[in-house]
Amino acid sequence: MYTIGQVSEMFDLPISTLRYYDKQGLFPEMTRVSGIRKFDDTEIDALSVIECLKRSGLEIKDIKQFMDWCMEGASTYPQRKELFERQRRQVEAEMERMNQVLDMLKFKCWYYEQAIQDGNENRIKAMIPDNLPDGIREAYQNAHKNDRPR
């Protein structure tokens, strides 16, 4: 059993957040000893899933729905699976967008490194897009793939 303070440190979450989660019904089987919350492995596992879903962009009300489905049992496996599939798709789409951002940053770092060496941008501009070095060309193309008409 863990105290709320220990769990707060484990997950780097404010105690107030853990209390809020409890008030929202996200720990339906939590034990209390003399009114003090006691977290066991069930709550620790649940909190890992809650934090994953939260980081994936799911709202607390939807996380509560997931926890309710867990309490309902095996009949809700399809709904739970769909929820995770939907969140996975959203995270994958966000990762793709962030990879485009990262590639733009890589390209621009290279670009300005070259401009600093050359003292101007003339040579670099003449290289875009087909004569860029391989890794930089790939980064440039990925960063600009949504910019072009289809």
C-alpha atoms as a PDB file:
ATOM      1  CA  MET A   1       0.000   0.000   0.000  1.00  0.00           C
ATOM      2  CA  TYR A   2       1.157   3.481  -0.846  1.00  0.00           C
ATOM      3  CA  THR A   3       0.235   6.857   0.578  1.00  0.00           C
ATOM      4  CA  ILE A   4      -0.985   9.654  -1.647  1.00  0.00           C
ATOM      5  CA  GLY A   5       2.355  11.397  -1.098  1.00  0.00           C
ATOM      6  CA  GLN A   6       4.303   8.360  -2.282  1.00  0.00           C
ATOM      7  CA  VAL A   7       2.123   8.017  -5.370  1.00  0.00           C
ATOM      8  CA  SER A   8       2.486  11.738  -6.031  1.00  0.00           C
ATOM      9  CA  GLU A   9       6.268  11.325  -6.069  1.00  0.00           C
ATOM     10  CA  MET A  10       6.147   8.104  -8.139  1.00  0.00           C
ATOM     11  CA  PHE A  11       4.159   9.748 -10.915  1.00  0.00           C
ATOM     12  CA  ASP A  12       5.409  13.310 -10.447  1.00  0.00           C
ATOM     13  CA  LEU A  13       1.827  14.473  -9.997  1.00  0.00           C
ATOM     14  CA  PRO A  14       0.461  16.986  -7.503  1.00  0.00           C
ATOM     15  CA  ILE A  15      -1.487  15.461  -4.635  1.00  0.00           C
ATOM     16  CA  SER A  16      -4.396  17.663  -5.687  1.00  0.00           C
ATOM     17  CA  THR A  17      -4.486  15.879  -9.062  1.00  0.00           C
ATOM     18  CA  LEU A  18      -4.694  12.477  -7.360  1.00  0.00           C
ATOM     19  CA  ARG A  19      -7.509  13.743  -5.134  1.00  0.00           C
ATOM     20  CA  TYR A  20      -9.292  15.104  -8.200  1.00  0.00           C
ATOM     21  CA  TYR A  21      -8.965  11.754  -9.997  1.00  0.00           C
ATOM     22  CA  ASP A  22     -10.396  10.025  -6.942  1.00  0.00           C
ATOM     23  CA  LYS A  23     -13.319  12.470  -6.757  1.00  0.00           C
ATOM     24  CA  GLN A  24     -14.006  11.826 -10.445  1.00  0.00           C
ATOM     25  CA  GLY A  25     -14.339   8.118  -9.685  1.00  0.00           C
ATOM     26  CA  LEU A  26     -11.159   6.990 -11.425  1.00  0.00           C
ATOM     27  CA  PHE A  27     -10.165   4.758  -8.479  1.00  0.00           C
ATOM     28  CA  PRO A  28     -13.431   2.946  -7.752  1.00  0.00           C
ATOM     29  CA  GLU A  29     -11.881   0.238  -5.581  1.00  0.00           C
ATOM     30  CA  MET A  30      -9.513   2.411  -3.550  1.00  0.00           C
ATOM     31  CA  THR A  31      -9.123   1.455   0.095  1.00  0.00           C
ATOM     32  CA  ARG A  32      -9.371   4.041   2.837  1.00  0.00           C
ATOM     33  CA  VAL A  33      -8.008   3.535   6.309  1.00  0.00           C
ATOM     34  CA  SER A  34      -9.477   6.026   8.789  1.00  0.00           C
ATOM     35  CA  GLY A  35     -10.389   8.231   5.821  1.00  0.00           C
ATOM     36  CA  ILE A  36      -6.835   8.152   4.409  1.00  0.00           C
ATOM     37  CA  ARG A  37      -6.487   7.029   0.799  1.00  0.00           C
ATOM     38  CA  LYS A  38      -4.334   3.928   0.359  1.00  0.00           C
ATOM     39  CA  PHE A  39      -3.145   3.085  -3.134  1.00  0.00           C
ATOM     40  CA  ASP A  40      -2.411  -0.535  -3.943  1.00  0.00           C
ATOM     41  CA  ASP A  41      -1.137  -2.111  -7.160  1.00  0.00           C
ATOM     42  CA  THR A  42      -4.621  -1.864  -8.716  1.00  0.00           C
ATOM     43  CA  GLU A  43      -4.628   1.930  -8.366  1.00  0.00           C
ATOM     44  CA  ILE A  44      -0.985   2.177  -9.464  1.00  0.00           C
ATOM     45  CA  ASP A  45      -1.774   0.202 -12.627  1.00  0.00           C
ATOM     46  CA  ALA A  46      -4.909   2.287 -13.195  1.00  0.00           C
ATOM     47  CA  LEU A  47      -2.936   5.499 -12.752  1.00  0.00           C
ATOM     48  CA  SER A  48      -0.417   4.373 -15.381  1.00  0.00           C
ATOM     49  CA  VAL A  49      -3.281   3.890 -17.840  1.00  0.00           C
ATOM     50  CA  ILE A  50      -4.965   7.141 -16.794  1.00  0.00           C
ATOM     51  CA  GLU A  51      -1.777   9.124 -17.375  1.00  0.00           C
ATOM     52  CA  CYS A  52      -1.224   7.419 -20.740  1.00  0.00           C
ATOM     53  CA  LEU A  53      -4.757   8.266 -21.855  1.00  0.00           C
ATOM     54  CA  LYS A  54      -4.424  11.809 -20.561  1.00  0.00           C
ATOM     55  CA  ARG A  55      -1.143  12.331 -22.448  1.00  0.00           C
ATOM     56  CA  SER A  56      -2.826  10.937 -25.566  1.00  0.00           C
ATOM     57  CA  GLY A  57      -5.332  13.789 -25.377  1.00  0.00           C
ATOM     58  CA  LEU A  58      -8.301  12.025 -23.798  1.00  0.00           C
ATOM     59  CA  GLU A  59     -10.460  14.113 -21.470  1.00  0.00           C
ATOM     60  CA  ILE A  60     -11.137  13.055 -17.875  1.00  0.00           C
ATOM     61  CA  LYS A  61     -14.825  12.362 -18.628  1.00  0.00           C
ATOM     62  CA  ASP A  62     -13.759   9.870 -21.312  1.00  0.00           C
ATOM     63  CA  ILE A  63     -11.172   8.306 -19.016  1.00  0.00           C
ATOM     64  CA  LYS A  64     -13.975   7.939 -16.449  1.00  0.00           C
ATOM     65  CA  GLN A  65     -16.046   6.153 -19.099  1.00  0.00           C
ATOM     66  CA  PHE A  66     -13.132   3.781 -19.679  1.00  0.00           C
ATOM     67  CA  MET A  67     -12.857   3.086 -15.945  1.00  0.00           C
ATOM     68  CA  ASP A  68     -16.608   2.441 -15.814  1.00  0.00           C
ATOM     69  CA  TRP A  69     -16.251  -0.032 -18.675  1.00  0.00           C
ATOM     70  CA  CYS A  70     -13.493  -1.789 -16.726  1.00  0.00           C
ATOM     71  CA  MET A  71     -15.849  -2.178 -13.774  1.00  0.00           C
ATOM     72  CA  GLU A  72     -18.578  -3.575 -16.055  1.00  0.00           C
ATOM     73  CA  GLY A  73     -16.377  -6.468 -17.130  1.00  0.00           C
ATOM     74  CA  ALA A  74     -15.633  -8.430 -20.260  1.00  0.00           C
ATOM     75  CA  SER A  75     -18.706  -7.302 -22.169  1.00  0.00           C
ATOM     76  CA  THR A  76     -17.016  -3.900 -22.669  1.00  0.00           C
ATOM     77  CA  TYR A  77     -13.785  -5.235 -24.218  1.00  0.00           C
ATOM     78  CA  PRO A  78     -14.815  -4.018 -27.705  1.00  0.00           C
ATOM     79  CA  GLN A  79     -15.451  -0.457 -26.462  1.00  0.00           C
ATOM     80  CA  ARG A  80     -12.153  -0.413 -24.569  1.00  0.00           C
ATOM     81  CA  LYS A  81     -10.248  -1.716 -27.572  1.00  0.00           C
ATOM     82  CA  GLU A  82     -11.820   0.918 -29.850  1.00  0.00           C
ATOM     83  CA  LEU A  83     -10.929   3.677 -27.385  1.00  0.00           C
ATOM     84  CA  PHE A  84      -7.265   2.615 -27.418  1.00  0.00           C
ATOM     85  CA  GLU A  85      -7.244   2.216 -31.190  1.00  0.00           C
ATOM     86  CA  ARG A  86      -8.704   5.717 -31.619  1.00  0.00           C
ATOM     87  CA  GLN A  87      -6.137   7.228 -29.252  1.00  0.00           C
ATOM     88  CA  ARG A  88      -3.319   5.335 -30.969  1.00  0.00           C
ATOM     89  CA  ARG A  89      -4.378   6.777 -34.334  1.00  0.00           C
ATOM     90  CA  GLN A  90      -4.466  10.280 -32.856  1.00  0.00           C
ATOM     91  CA  VAL A  91      -1.010   9.876 -31.303  1.00  0.00           C
ATOM     92  CA  GLU A  92       0.401   8.497 -34.561  1.00  0.00           C
ATOM     93  CA  ALA A  93      -1.027  11.478 -36.473  1.00  0.00           C
ATOM     94  CA  GLU A  94       0.452  13.888 -33.925  1.00  0.00           C
ATOM     95  CA  MET A  95       3.803  12.125 -34.147  1.00  0.00           C
ATOM     96  CA  GLU A  96       3.740  12.514 -37.916  1.00  0.00           C
ATOM     97  CA  ARG A  97       3.037  16.237 -37.541  1.00  0.00           C
ATOM     98  CA  MET A  98       5.811  16.569 -34.974  1.00  0.00           C
ATOM     99  CA  ASN A  99       8.249  14.694 -37.228  1.00  0.00           C
ATOM    100  CA  GLN A 100       7.493  17.267 -39.925  1.00  0.00           C
ATOM    101  CA  VAL A 101       8.251  20.018 -37.414  1.00  0.00           C
ATOM    102  CA  LEU A 102      11.466  18.284 -36.395  1.00  0.00           C
ATOM    103  CA  ASP A 103      12.515  17.899 -40.022  1.00  0.00           C
ATOM    104  CA  MET A 104      11.901  21.609 -40.657  1.00  0.00           C
ATOM    105  CA  LEU A 105      14.058  22.436 -37.646  1.00  0.00           C
ATOM    106  CA  LYS A 106      16.810  20.089 -38.877  1.00  0.00           C
ATOM    107  CA  PHE A 107      16.678  21.627 -42.336  1.00  0.00           C
ATOM    108  CA  LYS A 108      16.768  25.199 -41.043  1.00  0.00           C
ATOM    109  CA  CYS A 109      19.677  24.426 -38.677  1.00  0.00           C
ATOM    110  CA  TRP A 110      21.626  23.020 -41.617  1.00  0.00           C
ATOM    111  CA  TYR A 111      20.508  25.915 -43.849  1.00  0.00           C
ATOM    112  CA  TYR A 112      21.722  28.616 -41.481  1.00  0.00           C
ATOM    113  CA  GLU A 113      24.918  26.739 -40.688  1.00  0.00           C
ATOM    114  CA  GLN A 114      25.683  26.826 -44.422  1.00  0.00           C
ATOM    115  CA  ALA A 115      24.637  30.484 -44.720  1.00  0.00           C
ATOM    116  CA  ILE A 116      26.959  31.392 -41.856  1.00  0.00           C
ATOM    117  CA  GLN A 117      29.845  29.566 -43.562  1.00  0.00           C
ATOM    118  CA  ASP A 118      29.124  31.129 -46.954  1.00  0.00           C
ATOM    119  CA  GLY A 119      28.212  34.577 -45.688  1.00  0.00           C
ATOM    120  CA  ASN A 120      25.004  34.492 -47.756  1.00  0.00           C
ATOM    121  CA  GLU A 121      22.188  32.196 -48.888  1.00  0.00           C
ATOM    122  CA  ASN A 122      22.825  32.139 -52.638  1.00  0.00           C
ATOM    123  CA  ARG A 123      24.484  28.705 -52.920  1.00  0.00           C
ATOM    124  CA  ILE A 124      21.953  27.101 -50.568  1.00  0.00           C
ATOM    125  CA  LYS A 125      18.925  28.526 -52.371  1.00  0.00           C
ATOM    126  CA  ALA A 126      20.282  27.143 -55.642  1.00  0.00           C
ATOM    127  CA  MET A 127      20.466  23.674 -54.052  1.00  0.00           C
ATOM    128  CA  ILE A 128      16.788  23.552 -53.039  1.00  0.00           C
ATOM    129  CA  PRO A 129      15.207  21.063 -53.427  1.00  0.00           C
ATOM    130  CA  ASP A 130      16.986  18.599 -55.720  1.00  0.00           C
ATOM    131  CA  ASN A 131      20.643  19.238 -54.937  1.00  0.00           C
ATOM    132  CA  LEU A 132      20.500  19.114 -51.154  1.00  0.00           C
ATOM    133  CA  PRO A 133      22.564  16.451 -49.361  1.00  0.00           C
ATOM    134  CA  ASP A 134      20.576  13.218 -48.965  1.00  0.00           C
ATOM    135  CA  GLY A 135      19.569  13.471 -45.278  1.00  0.00           C
ATOM    136  CA  ILE A 136      18.816  17.161 -45.571  1.00  0.00           C
ATOM    137  CA  ARG A 137      16.805  16.666 -48.779  1.00  0.00           C
ATOM    138  CA  GLU A 138      14.675  14.030 -47.023  1.00  0.00           C
ATOM    139  CA  ALA A 139      14.112  16.361 -44.072  1.00  0.00           C
ATOM    140  CA  TYR A 140      13.244  19.229 -46.439  1.00  0.00           C
ATOM    141  CA  GLN A 141      10.792  17.083 -48.408  1.00  0.00           C
ATOM    142  CA  ASN A 142       9.083  15.770 -45.282  1.00  0.00           C
ATOM    143  CA  ALA A 143       8.858  19.254 -43.770  1.00  0.00           C
ATOM    144  CA  HIS A 144       7.255  20.583 -46.961  1.00  0.00           C
ATOM    145  CA  LYS A 145       5.139  17.619 -48.029  1.00  0.00           C
ATOM    146  CA  ASN A 146       1.850  19.321 -47.127  1.00  0.00           C
ATOM    147  CA  ASP A 147       2.875  22.604 -48.750  1.00  0.00           C
ATOM    148  CA  ARG A 148       2.614  21.362 -52.326  1.00  0.00           C
ATOM    149  CA  PRO A 149      -0.571  21.172 -54.382  1.00  0.00           C
ATOM    150  CA  ARG A 150      -1.683  17.602 -54.946  1.00  0.00           C
END
